[in-house]
Protein backbone atom coordinates (compact mmCIF):
# COMPACT_ATOMS: atom_id res chain seq x y z
CA MET A 1 30.08 138.77 132.76
CA ARG A 2 33.41 139.64 131.19
CA MET A 3 35.27 137.45 133.64
CA ARG A 4 32.95 134.58 132.80
CA VAL A 5 33.75 134.97 129.04
CA VAL A 6 37.47 135.08 129.73
CA ILE A 7 37.29 131.96 131.92
CA ILE A 8 35.29 130.07 129.24
CA PHE A 9 37.82 131.12 126.57
CA ILE A 10 40.72 129.93 128.73
CA ILE A 11 38.97 126.62 129.41
CA ILE A 12 38.30 126.06 125.65
CA PHE A 13 41.93 126.95 124.84
CA PHE A 14 43.29 124.40 127.34
CA ILE A 15 40.86 121.74 126.11
CA LEU A 16 42.10 122.21 122.52
CA LEU A 17 45.70 122.27 123.67
CA LEU A 18 45.30 119.06 125.68
CA SER A 19 43.49 117.42 122.75
CA ARG A 20 46.38 118.25 120.41
CA ILE A 21 48.94 116.97 122.92
CA TYR A 22 46.94 113.75 123.29
CA TYR A 23 46.76 113.29 119.51
CA LEU A 24 50.47 113.90 118.96
CA SER A 25 51.64 111.78 121.87
CA ILE A 26 49.12 108.94 121.78
CA LYS A 27 47.10 108.77 118.56
CA SER A 28 49.97 109.59 116.14
CA ASN A 29 52.46 107.34 117.88
CA VAL A 30 51.78 104.35 115.59
CA TYR A 31 52.05 106.48 112.45
CA TYR A 32 55.35 108.09 113.41
CA GLU A 33 56.69 104.78 114.63
CA GLU A 34 56.04 103.29 111.17
CA MET A 35 57.65 106.31 109.55
CA ALA A 36 60.70 105.89 111.78
CA GLN A 37 60.94 102.23 110.85
CA GLN A 38 60.80 103.08 107.14
CA ASN A 39 63.58 105.58 107.60
CA ALA A 40 65.62 102.97 109.46
CA ILE A 41 64.97 100.02 107.11
CA LYS A 42 66.46 99.96 103.62
CA THR A 43 65.01 97.60 101.01
CA GLN A 44 67.23 96.37 98.18
CA PHE A 45 65.96 94.43 95.17
CA LEU A 46 68.39 91.79 93.91
CA ALA A 47 68.82 91.10 90.21
CA PRO A 48 68.44 87.44 89.17
CA VAL A 49 71.05 85.70 87.01
CA ARG A 50 69.46 84.94 83.63
CA GLY A 51 68.55 81.30 83.02
CA GLU A 52 70.68 79.24 80.64
CA ILE A 53 69.56 77.76 77.32
CA SER A 54 70.67 74.30 76.23
CA ASP A 55 70.01 71.99 73.29
CA ALA A 56 68.21 68.64 73.44
CA ASN A 57 71.40 66.92 74.63
CA GLY A 58 72.26 69.46 77.32
CA LYS A 59 74.89 71.41 75.39
CA LEU A 60 74.81 75.05 76.45
CA LEU A 61 73.65 77.48 73.78
CA ALA A 62 73.36 80.57 75.99
CA THR A 63 75.17 80.88 79.30
CA ASN A 64 76.55 83.55 81.65
CA ASP A 65 80.19 84.58 82.06
CA LEU A 66 81.20 85.55 85.61
CA GLY A 67 82.94 88.86 86.12
CA PHE A 68 82.67 92.20 87.90
CA SER A 69 81.14 95.62 87.51
CA ILE A 70 82.76 98.87 88.70
CA SER A 71 80.93 101.77 90.30
CA ILE A 72 82.10 105.15 91.63
CA LYS A 73 80.82 107.02 94.67
CA PRO A 74 77.96 109.46 93.84
CA TYR A 75 77.95 113.29 93.90
CA LEU A 76 81.56 113.66 92.71
CA SER A 77 80.50 115.45 89.50
CA LEU A 78 78.07 117.77 91.28
CA ARG A 79 80.58 119.69 93.37
CA LYS A 80 83.66 121.52 92.08
CA SER A 81 85.58 120.46 95.18
CA SER A 82 85.20 116.77 94.31
CA TYR A 83 85.60 116.97 90.52
CA ALA A 84 89.34 116.39 90.73
CA LEU A 85 88.69 113.30 92.83
CA LEU A 86 86.38 111.91 90.12
CA GLN A 87 89.05 112.48 87.49
CA HIS A 88 91.60 110.75 89.68
CA GLU A 89 89.41 107.65 90.11
CA ILE A 90 88.69 107.43 86.36
CA GLU A 91 92.41 107.81 85.65
CA GLU A 92 93.11 104.97 88.07
CA LEU A 93 90.66 102.72 86.21
CA THR A 94 91.96 103.56 82.72
CA ASN A 95 95.56 103.00 83.83
CA THR A 96 94.58 99.61 85.26
CA PHE A 97 92.43 98.46 82.35
CA LYS A 98 93.83 99.73 79.07
CA ASP A 99 90.65 98.97 77.10
CA LEU A 100 88.62 101.51 79.08
CA ASN A 101 88.07 104.99 77.67
CA ALA A 102 88.19 107.92 80.12
CA THR A 103 85.76 110.06 78.12
CA VAL A 104 83.19 107.27 77.98
CA LEU A 105 83.53 106.59 81.71
CA TYR A 106 83.04 110.26 82.59
CA ARG A 107 80.00 110.59 80.34
CA THR A 108 78.45 107.48 81.83
CA TYR A 109 79.05 108.75 85.35
CA LYS A 110 77.80 112.27 84.64
CA LYS A 111 74.63 110.94 83.00
CA ASN A 112 73.66 108.90 86.07
CA ASP A 113 75.00 111.08 88.91
CA SER A 114 72.25 112.92 90.75
CA TYR A 115 71.40 114.35 94.19
CA TYR A 116 68.48 111.93 94.18
CA ASN A 117 70.75 108.91 93.70
CA GLN A 118 72.40 107.58 96.87
CA ASP A 119 73.88 104.50 95.24
CA TYR A 120 77.29 104.21 93.67
CA VAL A 121 77.19 105.01 89.95
CA GLU A 122 78.05 102.08 87.65
CA VAL A 123 80.58 103.10 84.99
CA VAL A 124 81.76 99.65 83.80
CA ASP A 125 79.10 96.97 83.53
CA PHE A 126 81.43 94.00 83.00
CA ILE A 127 85.07 93.04 83.27
CA ASP A 128 85.83 89.35 83.04
CA TYR A 129 87.02 87.38 86.03
CA ALA A 130 90.58 86.71 84.85
CA THR A 131 91.20 90.37 84.00
CA MET A 132 89.90 91.71 87.31
CA ILE A 133 91.41 89.27 89.83
CA PRO A 134 95.03 90.62 89.72
CA HIS A 135 93.72 94.11 90.60
CA PHE A 136 90.72 93.23 92.75
CA SER A 137 92.24 93.67 96.21
CA ARG A 138 93.86 97.03 95.44
CA LEU A 139 90.78 98.54 93.78
CA ASN A 140 88.39 97.15 96.36
CA LEU A 141 90.24 99.05 99.11
CA ARG A 142 89.62 102.40 97.44
CA GLU A 143 86.88 104.28 99.26
CA ASN A 144 85.34 105.80 96.14
CA ILE A 145 85.28 102.63 94.05
CA ARG A 146 82.95 99.70 94.52
CA ILE A 147 83.38 96.37 92.76
CA LYS A 148 80.45 93.96 92.57
CA PRO A 149 79.96 90.53 90.97
CA ALA A 150 78.39 90.72 87.51
CA VAL A 151 77.44 88.39 84.67
CA LYS A 152 77.46 88.78 80.91
CA ARG A 153 75.45 86.71 78.44
CA GLN A 154 77.63 84.46 76.33
CA TYR A 155 76.78 82.40 73.22
CA PRO A 156 79.38 79.62 72.92
CA TYR A 157 78.37 78.67 69.36
CA LYS A 158 78.52 82.31 68.17
CA ALA A 159 76.53 82.47 64.91
CA LEU A 160 75.17 78.92 65.00
CA ALA A 161 71.37 78.80 65.40
CA SER A 162 71.42 82.58 65.89
CA HIS A 163 67.85 83.12 64.66
CA ILE A 164 66.54 80.39 66.96
CA ILE A 165 68.44 81.36 70.11
CA GLY A 166 68.27 85.13 69.64
CA TYR A 167 70.20 87.53 71.85
CA VAL A 168 69.86 89.87 74.81
CA GLY A 169 70.63 93.57 74.65
CA LYS A 170 70.68 96.58 76.91
CA VAL A 171 67.29 97.79 78.03
CA SER A 172 65.52 100.82 76.63
CA LEU A 173 63.38 103.27 78.61
CA ASN A 174 60.32 101.49 77.25
CA ASP A 175 61.66 98.12 78.46
CA ILE A 176 62.19 99.50 81.95
CA SER A 177 58.69 100.97 82.12
CA GLU A 178 57.13 97.61 81.21
CA ASN A 179 59.49 95.19 82.97
CA GLU A 180 60.72 95.75 86.53
CA ILE A 181 63.27 92.92 86.30
CA ALA A 182 64.90 94.59 83.28
CA LYS A 183 65.51 97.67 85.42
CA LEU A 184 67.61 95.53 87.77
CA THR A 185 69.50 93.47 85.19
CA ASN A 186 69.85 96.16 82.47
CA TYR A 187 69.39 93.39 79.89
CA ILE A 188 66.38 91.91 78.16
CA GLY A 189 65.68 89.40 75.38
CA LYS A 190 65.63 91.08 71.98
CA SER A 191 65.04 88.24 69.52
CA GLY A 192 64.57 84.47 69.18
CA VAL A 193 63.72 82.36 72.22
CA GLU A 194 65.63 84.89 74.34
CA LEU A 195 62.71 87.23 73.62
CA TYR A 196 59.88 84.69 73.38
CA TYR A 197 60.73 83.11 76.76
CA ASN A 198 62.13 86.26 78.35
CA GLU A 199 59.79 86.12 81.35
CA VAL A 200 60.96 82.58 82.15
CA LEU A 201 64.66 83.24 81.59
CA GLN A 202 64.87 86.56 83.42
CA GLY A 203 63.48 84.98 86.60
CA GLU A 204 62.22 86.67 89.74
CA LYS A 205 63.93 89.42 91.72
CA GLY A 206 65.27 88.86 95.22
CA VAL A 207 64.74 91.11 98.22
CA ARG A 208 67.14 92.18 100.99
CA GLN A 209 66.11 94.40 103.89
CA VAL A 210 68.75 95.92 106.16
CA LYS A 211 68.68 98.27 109.12
CA VAL A 212 70.64 101.48 108.55
CA ASN A 213 71.52 104.53 110.62
CA ALA A 214 71.24 108.21 109.70
CA LEU A 215 74.50 107.96 107.74
CA ASN A 216 73.05 105.14 105.60
CA GLN A 217 75.43 102.64 107.18
CA GLU A 218 74.15 99.08 107.50
CA LEU A 219 73.53 97.89 111.06
CA GLY A 220 72.14 94.43 110.31
CA GLU A 221 70.14 92.26 107.90
CA LEU A 222 66.44 91.86 108.66
CA PHE A 223 65.14 89.85 105.68
CA TYR A 224 66.60 88.05 102.67
CA LYS A 225 64.93 86.34 99.73
CA GLN A 226 67.17 84.94 97.01
CA ALA A 227 66.63 85.91 93.38
CA ASN A 228 65.97 82.95 91.08
CA SER A 229 65.59 82.13 87.41
CA LYS A 230 64.78 79.11 85.30
CA ASP A 231 66.78 77.32 82.62
CA ILE A 232 65.17 76.15 79.40
CA GLN A 233 66.05 73.26 77.12
CA LEU A 234 65.29 73.37 73.41
CA SER A 235 64.45 70.46 71.15
CA ILE A 236 67.17 71.29 68.63
CA ASP A 237 70.27 69.14 68.27
CA ILE A 238 73.19 71.54 67.87
CA GLU A 239 75.25 68.89 66.05
CA LEU A 240 72.60 68.61 63.34
CA GLN A 241 72.23 72.39 63.38
CA GLU A 242 75.94 72.73 62.69
CA TYR A 243 75.63 70.30 59.78
CA LEU A 244 72.87 72.43 58.22
CA ALA A 245 75.12 75.48 58.42
CA LYS A 246 77.92 73.59 56.64
CA LEU A 247 75.55 72.48 53.88
CA PHE A 248 74.46 76.04 53.19
CA SER A 249 77.97 77.46 53.45
CA ASP A 250 77.71 80.94 51.90
CA ASN A 251 74.23 80.40 50.39
CA ALA A 252 71.08 82.08 51.68
CA GLY A 253 67.89 80.27 52.63
CA THR A 254 66.36 78.05 55.29
CA ALA A 255 66.17 74.43 56.39
CA ILE A 256 63.78 72.86 58.91
CA VAL A 257 63.80 69.36 60.42
CA MET A 258 60.60 68.65 62.37
CA ASN A 259 59.53 65.65 64.42
CA LEU A 260 56.09 64.42 63.35
CA GLU A 261 55.25 62.84 66.69
CA ASP A 262 55.06 66.05 68.71
CA GLY A 263 56.04 68.89 66.35
CA SER A 264 59.41 69.40 68.06
CA ILE A 265 62.00 71.01 65.82
CA LEU A 266 65.21 69.03 65.62
CA ALA A 267 67.07 71.72 63.68
CA ALA A 268 66.10 74.94 61.92
CA GLY A 269 68.40 77.41 60.27
CA SER A 270 67.96 80.79 58.63
CA PHE A 271 71.01 81.58 56.52
CA PRO A 272 73.24 83.51 56.56
CA GLU A 273 73.60 83.65 60.33
CA TYR A 274 75.45 86.19 62.49
CA ASP A 275 77.50 86.16 65.69
CA LEU A 276 75.22 86.87 68.66
CA ASN A 277 77.91 87.95 71.15
CA PRO A 278 78.57 91.52 69.93
CA PHE A 279 74.91 92.41 70.48
CA VAL A 280 75.12 91.83 74.24
CA THR A 281 77.31 94.87 74.89
CA GLY A 282 76.64 96.72 71.65
CA ILE A 283 77.70 96.07 68.07
CA SER A 284 80.02 98.46 66.24
CA VAL A 285 78.57 100.83 63.65
CA ALA A 286 80.77 99.34 60.91
CA GLU A 287 79.63 95.77 61.60
CA TRP A 288 75.99 96.87 61.86
CA LYS A 289 76.14 98.56 58.45
CA LYS A 290 77.82 95.54 56.90
CA LEU A 291 75.09 93.19 58.12
CA SER A 292 72.24 95.61 57.43
CA ASN A 293 73.31 96.28 53.86
CA SER A 294 73.79 92.62 52.92
CA LEU A 295 71.40 91.57 50.15
CA ASP A 296 71.15 88.15 51.80
CA HIS A 297 69.43 89.76 54.84
CA PRO A 298 71.24 88.00 57.71
CA PHE A 299 69.15 89.86 60.33
CA THR A 300 65.86 88.48 58.97
CA ASN A 301 64.66 85.28 60.62
CA LYS A 302 63.54 83.74 57.34
CA LEU A 303 61.96 80.79 59.13
CA VAL A 304 59.04 82.95 60.27
CA ASN A 305 59.69 86.40 58.77
CA GLY A 306 60.78 85.47 55.26
CA LEU A 307 57.88 85.70 52.78
CA TYR A 308 58.23 83.78 49.51
CA PRO A 309 55.94 82.52 46.74
CA PRO A 310 55.64 78.81 47.55
CA GLY A 311 55.66 77.65 43.95
CA SER A 312 54.81 74.03 43.30
CA VAL A 313 55.21 72.81 46.89
CA VAL A 314 51.56 73.82 47.49
CA LYS A 315 50.27 71.62 44.66
CA MET A 316 49.34 68.82 47.08
CA GLY A 317 47.03 71.15 48.99
CA VAL A 318 45.70 72.83 45.86
CA GLY A 319 45.08 69.41 44.31
CA LEU A 320 43.20 68.34 47.42
CA SER A 321 40.92 71.38 47.02
CA PHE A 322 39.98 70.13 43.51
CA MET A 323 38.77 66.72 44.65
CA GLY A 324 34.99 66.36 44.64
CA GLN A 325 34.50 69.79 43.08
CA GLU A 326 33.00 70.58 39.65
CA ASN A 327 33.10 66.98 38.43
CA ILE A 328 36.80 66.59 39.20
CA ASN A 329 38.10 63.40 40.81
CA ALA A 330 41.39 61.53 41.04
CA SER A 331 41.06 60.10 37.53
CA THR A 332 40.04 63.37 35.81
CA GLN A 333 42.60 64.21 33.13
CA PHE A 334 43.66 67.37 31.36
CA PHE A 335 45.90 67.66 28.30
CA CYS A 336 49.13 69.61 28.77
CA SER A 337 50.57 70.97 25.52
CA GLY A 338 53.06 73.21 27.37
CA SER A 339 50.75 76.19 27.90
CA ILE A 340 47.17 77.46 27.91
CA GLU A 341 45.79 80.70 26.52
CA LEU A 342 43.60 82.97 28.62
CA GLY A 343 42.57 86.52 27.78
CA GLY A 344 45.09 86.80 24.96
CA ARG A 345 47.96 85.72 27.22
CA ASN A 346 49.86 82.43 27.32
CA PHE A 347 50.29 80.78 30.73
CA ARG A 348 53.15 78.37 30.32
CA CYS A 349 54.03 75.10 31.97
CA TRP A 350 57.63 74.73 33.15
CA ASN A 351 57.89 71.88 30.60
CA ARG A 352 57.55 73.72 27.31
CA ALA A 353 57.06 70.40 25.45
CA GLY A 354 54.08 69.56 27.65
CA HIS A 355 53.17 66.53 29.77
CA LYS A 356 50.37 65.21 27.49
CA GLN A 357 47.44 63.60 29.39
CA VAL A 358 47.77 64.05 33.14
CA ASP A 359 45.64 63.31 36.21
CA LEU A 360 46.25 64.66 39.71
CA LYS A 361 48.84 62.08 40.72
CA SER A 362 50.90 62.43 37.57
CA ALA A 363 50.51 66.23 37.72
CA ILE A 364 52.06 66.28 41.20
CA LYS A 365 54.74 63.78 40.17
CA GLY A 366 55.81 65.81 37.14
CA SER A 367 54.74 69.18 38.63
CA CYS A 368 52.55 69.93 35.60
CA ASP A 369 51.35 73.55 35.72
CA VAL A 370 48.72 73.17 33.00
CA TYR A 371 46.77 70.57 35.02
CA PHE A 372 46.51 73.07 37.89
CA TYR A 373 45.59 75.91 35.50
CA GLU A 374 42.72 73.91 33.99
CA ALA A 375 41.43 72.48 37.26
CA GLY A 376 41.84 75.84 38.99
CA LEU A 377 39.66 77.55 36.38
CA ARG A 378 37.00 74.89 36.77
CA VAL A 379 36.96 74.99 40.59
CA GLY A 380 37.56 78.71 41.13
CA ILE A 381 39.61 80.75 43.60
CA ASP A 382 37.11 80.55 46.45
CA GLN A 383 37.58 76.81 46.93
CA ILE A 384 41.36 77.03 46.51
CA SER A 385 41.86 79.89 48.98
CA SER A 386 39.52 78.28 51.51
CA MET A 387 41.53 75.06 51.50
CA MET A 388 44.88 76.88 51.65
CA SER A 389 43.76 78.88 54.69
CA ARG A 390 42.44 75.76 56.43
CA ILE A 391 45.69 73.83 56.06
CA GLY A 392 47.89 76.54 57.54
CA PHE A 393 48.64 79.31 55.08
CA GLY A 394 47.75 82.94 55.82
CA VAL A 395 47.82 82.24 59.59
CA LYS A 396 50.55 81.85 62.21
CA THR A 397 51.95 78.37 62.74
CA GLY A 398 52.10 78.87 66.50
CA VAL A 399 55.83 78.13 66.71
CA ASP A 400 57.50 79.65 69.77
CA LEU A 401 59.39 82.40 67.96
CA PRO A 402 58.47 86.10 68.22
CA ASN A 403 56.83 88.29 65.58
CA GLU A 404 55.79 85.49 63.24
CA PHE A 405 54.45 86.65 59.85
CA VAL A 406 51.23 85.22 58.39
CA GLY A 407 51.90 85.67 54.67
CA THR A 408 49.15 86.02 52.07
CA VAL A 409 46.56 83.64 50.63
CA PRO A 410 45.05 85.54 47.67
CA SER A 411 41.24 85.60 47.42
CA ARG A 412 38.45 87.82 46.13
CA GLU A 413 37.89 89.29 49.58
CA TRP A 414 41.61 89.88 50.19
CA LYS A 415 42.08 91.70 46.89
CA MET A 416 39.02 93.90 47.38
CA LEU A 417 40.15 94.87 50.90
CA LYS A 418 43.74 95.52 49.88
CA PHE A 419 43.37 97.05 46.40
CA ASN A 420 39.62 97.68 46.04
CA GLN A 421 39.74 95.78 42.75
CA PRO A 422 37.85 92.76 41.35
CA TRP A 423 39.38 89.31 40.95
CA TYR A 424 40.56 88.09 37.52
CA GLN A 425 40.85 84.53 36.25
CA GLY A 426 44.53 84.98 35.45
CA GLU A 427 45.12 85.45 39.16
CA THR A 428 43.43 82.11 39.81
CA LEU A 429 45.97 80.46 37.49
CA ASN A 430 48.92 82.07 39.30
CA THR A 431 47.54 81.14 42.71
CA SER A 432 46.94 77.52 41.69
CA ILE A 433 50.68 77.02 41.10
CA GLY A 434 51.81 79.03 44.15
CA GLN A 435 52.81 82.22 42.34
CA GLY A 436 51.45 85.74 42.07
CA ASN A 437 50.49 87.27 45.41
CA PHE A 438 50.65 83.93 47.24
CA LEU A 439 53.28 84.36 50.01
CA VAL A 440 54.28 81.89 52.72
CA THR A 441 56.97 81.36 55.34
CA PRO A 442 59.19 78.24 55.38
CA MET A 443 57.73 77.29 58.77
CA GLN A 444 54.24 77.28 57.24
CA VAL A 445 55.43 74.95 54.46
CA ALA A 446 56.95 72.55 57.03
CA LYS A 447 53.74 72.53 59.09
CA TYR A 448 51.62 72.00 55.96
CA THR A 449 53.83 69.08 54.89
CA ALA A 450 53.40 67.54 58.33
CA ALA A 451 49.61 67.82 57.95
CA ILE A 452 49.75 66.00 54.60
CA ALA A 453 51.96 63.28 56.07
CA LYS A 454 49.95 62.65 59.27
CA GLY A 455 46.44 63.85 58.36
CA VAL A 456 46.23 66.27 61.33
CA GLU A 457 47.50 69.71 62.23
CA ILE A 458 50.79 69.54 64.16
CA THR A 459 52.13 72.71 65.79
CA PRO A 460 55.91 73.17 65.53
CA THR A 461 57.69 73.88 68.80
CA LEU A 462 61.23 74.56 70.03
CA LEU A 463 60.79 74.19 73.80
CA LYS A 464 61.58 70.82 75.35
CA SER A 465 61.65 71.59 79.07
CA ILE A 466 61.76 74.34 81.72
CA ASP A 467 64.03 73.53 84.67
CA ASN A 468 64.04 69.86 83.59
CA ASN A 469 60.24 69.72 83.62
CA LEU A 470 59.16 68.44 80.23
CA THR A 471 56.61 70.59 78.44
CA GLN A 472 53.46 69.04 77.05
CA SER A 473 53.13 68.95 73.28
CA LYS A 474 50.18 70.78 71.83
CA GLN A 475 47.15 68.73 70.93
CA LYS A 476 46.92 67.67 67.30
CA GLU A 477 43.94 69.28 65.58
CA GLU A 478 41.67 67.82 62.90
CA ILE A 479 41.70 70.03 59.81
CA PHE A 480 40.54 67.61 57.10
CA ASN A 481 37.00 66.35 56.69
CA VAL A 482 36.24 62.67 56.11
CA PHE A 483 36.29 62.95 52.31
CA GLU A 484 39.57 64.88 52.28
CA LYS A 485 41.18 62.28 54.52
CA SER A 486 40.11 59.60 52.06
CA GLN A 487 42.05 61.47 49.35
CA LEU A 488 45.27 61.87 51.32
CA PRO A 489 46.67 58.41 50.41
CA LEU A 490 46.53 59.46 46.75
CA ILE A 491 48.40 62.72 47.52
CA ARG A 492 51.02 60.82 49.51
CA GLN A 493 51.42 58.27 46.73
CA ALA A 494 52.06 61.13 44.31
CA MET A 495 54.76 62.52 46.64
CA TYR A 496 56.28 59.04 46.78
CA GLU A 497 56.48 58.95 42.99
CA VAL A 498 58.07 62.44 42.95
CA ALA A 499 61.02 61.04 44.92
CA ASN A 500 61.14 57.37 43.87
CA GLU A 501 60.09 56.97 40.24
CA GLN A 502 61.71 58.15 37.04
CA GLY A 503 59.96 61.26 35.81
CA GLY A 504 59.50 62.47 39.38
CA THR A 505 61.00 65.93 39.82
CA ALA A 506 63.03 64.83 42.88
CA TYR A 507 63.94 61.32 41.75
CA ARG A 508 67.59 62.14 41.08
CA TYR A 509 68.10 63.42 44.65
CA TYR A 510 66.71 60.43 46.54
CA LYS A 511 67.21 57.44 44.20
CA ASP A 512 70.37 56.27 45.98
CA LEU A 513 69.22 57.14 49.50
CA PRO A 514 68.85 54.12 51.86
CA LEU A 515 65.48 55.49 52.94
CA THR A 516 62.07 55.89 51.30
CA VAL A 517 61.17 59.59 51.09
CA ALA A 518 58.02 61.37 49.87
CA ALA A 519 58.69 64.84 48.50
CA LYS A 520 57.66 67.81 46.37
CA THR A 521 59.86 70.31 44.62
CA GLY A 522 59.02 73.91 43.83
CA THR A 523 60.37 76.99 42.11
CA ALA A 524 59.44 80.46 43.31
CA GLN A 525 59.97 83.44 41.06
CA VAL A 526 61.71 86.50 42.47
CA VAL A 527 59.12 89.27 42.41
CA GLY A 528 61.50 92.23 42.50
CA PHE A 529 63.68 94.47 44.64
CA SER A 530 63.18 97.66 46.57
CA GLN A 531 64.78 100.79 45.16
CA ALA A 532 67.33 100.76 47.98
CA GLU A 533 68.34 97.18 47.17
CA LYS A 534 68.65 97.92 43.46
CA GLN A 535 71.17 100.62 44.24
CA ARG A 536 73.27 98.19 46.28
CA ILE A 537 73.32 95.33 43.73
CA LYS A 538 76.41 95.27 41.57
CA GLU A 539 75.67 95.00 37.86
CA GLU A 540 77.46 91.65 37.60
CA ASP A 541 75.30 90.25 40.44
CA PHE A 542 71.90 91.16 38.98
CA LYS A 543 71.61 87.89 37.09
CA TYR A 544 72.16 85.89 40.27
CA TYR A 545 69.64 87.84 42.38
CA LEU A 546 67.00 87.46 39.66
CA ARG A 547 67.24 83.65 39.77
CA SER A 548 64.24 81.85 41.24
CA HIS A 549 64.21 80.45 44.77
CA ALA A 550 64.37 76.66 45.05
CA TRP A 551 62.02 74.73 47.36
CA ILE A 552 61.84 71.11 48.36
CA THR A 553 59.66 69.75 51.16
CA SER A 554 59.52 66.10 52.17
CA TYR A 555 58.90 63.53 54.88
CA ALA A 556 60.28 60.11 55.73
CA PRO A 557 59.96 57.21 56.05
CA TYR A 558 57.11 57.11 53.55
CA GLN A 559 55.15 54.30 55.24
CA ASN A 560 55.69 55.52 58.81
CA PRO A 561 56.43 59.27 58.71
CA LYS A 562 58.71 60.48 61.49
CA TYR A 563 60.38 63.66 60.21
CA VAL A 564 59.64 66.52 57.84
CA VAL A 565 62.55 68.17 56.04
CA THR A 566 61.82 71.48 54.31
CA VAL A 567 64.55 73.36 52.44
CA LEU A 568 64.52 76.71 50.66
CA VAL A 569 67.58 77.99 48.81
CA GLU A 570 67.32 81.61 47.73
CA HIS A 571 68.21 82.14 44.06
CA GLY A 572 68.82 78.41 43.74
CA GLY A 573 67.22 77.99 40.32
CA ARG A 574 65.03 74.95 39.63
CA SER A 575 65.67 73.06 42.88
CA LEU A 576 69.20 72.28 41.73
CA SER A 577 70.55 73.07 45.18
CA ALA A 578 67.63 72.45 47.54
CA GLY A 579 67.29 68.78 46.53
CA PRO A 580 70.87 67.69 47.30
CA ILE A 581 70.77 69.53 50.62
CA SER A 582 67.58 67.70 51.57
CA ALA A 583 69.07 64.32 50.68
CA LYS A 584 72.21 65.01 52.71
CA ILE A 585 70.09 65.95 55.72
CA TYR A 586 68.39 62.56 55.56
CA GLU A 587 71.80 60.87 55.34
CA LYS A 588 72.84 62.75 58.47
CA LEU A 589 69.63 61.76 60.28
CA ILE A 590 70.45 58.13 59.53
CA GLU A 591 74.06 58.59 60.66
CA MET A 592 72.94 60.17 63.95
CA GLY A 593 70.42 57.40 64.63
CA TYR A 594 67.24 59.41 64.19
CA LEU A 595 66.21 57.29 61.19
CA GLN A 596 66.96 53.70 60.24
CA ARG A 597 68.21 52.43 56.89
CA LYS A 598 65.60 50.56 54.89
CA ASN A 599 66.16 46.82 54.60
């Protein structure tokens, strides 16, 4: 019996042993073969070269300089025996390239050196081609140094169109976690179209698979897929853009030239501008503080992030909201004595002597505030705010720039949500002339002007093509009802009189222009300053920074509208500077062949 148990035990033992041998030698063969292949095959992801940006005529606005990066063999900082070797290599680099700093190179290396990293550690991300070539052969022969081709983003026009183009900067940890391409390139779009179209410009990574031995030496290439990226072309004309910058000189503000056929932006500037190139590798602390502390806010893209009271440039839209409401029509008149009294307070017209009897057309022509006070009280804020929201204020324009602001269209609901307070009639008066809490962006004013000129909503856009494939313009949307469309000719006629008849607030700017323009001027009061800004303003400059902003928005030709020109000059007073700038832009459009002289 005992022998029988022993024999059975031995038989079971050998069965288990044979089963294990069978599993390891036969069943697990595929698994271990795959593991062996993975150990023998090394996959490298290749960084794409960022796509270029050009203007409408093919002039390069953002390109890539060719150069080299320098890396040092890993593990040299982790062992005492190799520390001297690391110092020697860094000394060799700093003696060769005098601009390099040994302390910075060591810190960069130490930060990225790790037992888990088998790749050479990059210590210099870019040295230009001409500087490297005389030393390339000597350095490339050094065992512990590796030199690889590299590119650096370059902006040939420096500050010109800086808020449109934007810039790239070094990636953050958050960028890397959300964007695998950024991990390879170490750069990502930070502002402007560089950010908005980052996914297009950064391209797609390439792949290279090689066979390596146990010493990580390459034995042969198994697979290769090239990295690729796409170029984009913008609708802006850099020659016209440069002209806008010259017109503004040292002044702050914005200017927008927009095509009414498809919404393409021919030129758009936010002033002052700033040189984009230092941001690629990192701007100095001194320069950053200088730009950050400027009271003209050069970092703010005022086209879509600047919020201003629109002043009288919204009177066409406000006037349109009056039509057909509370017994008001185009011929309804109000008497302007220079002010009206409400609740013990005088609300003044800009013309202290008054405009006498005015209807809607003459009120727009002479920019009479009292007409809009009286009609606004009769119609009420609900109708005004509804119309303003429908024609593009308080919402994004849809332009292809990042982080666009929506501004504020005051209303009962808005005030209750924001302040938990009721609406007062005095606020209706302020809103009806584009003051008070009414805030807009210059891009919204340009889009709204386009809607008045063409009778439909037109979305502004900067993109012309991707890799020479033209982009389709966005469909024009109907925003006016049948009655409102029937009133638009009257509004346009009023804008014509603003620019072409004596008594029109823009007549002096356009009277000698060989082109028929329709326009509207506006003055926006400066609301105030933050405490930090007050501390930075010199006493002698307070008077200047308290001056009102000057608006003028227009389109031409009057009979067959082709372009909108919207100009805002910060602290420009009563349109004394915005008007001449607008007129000179039209002269330039004629000179460049975009518009024809009238016969």
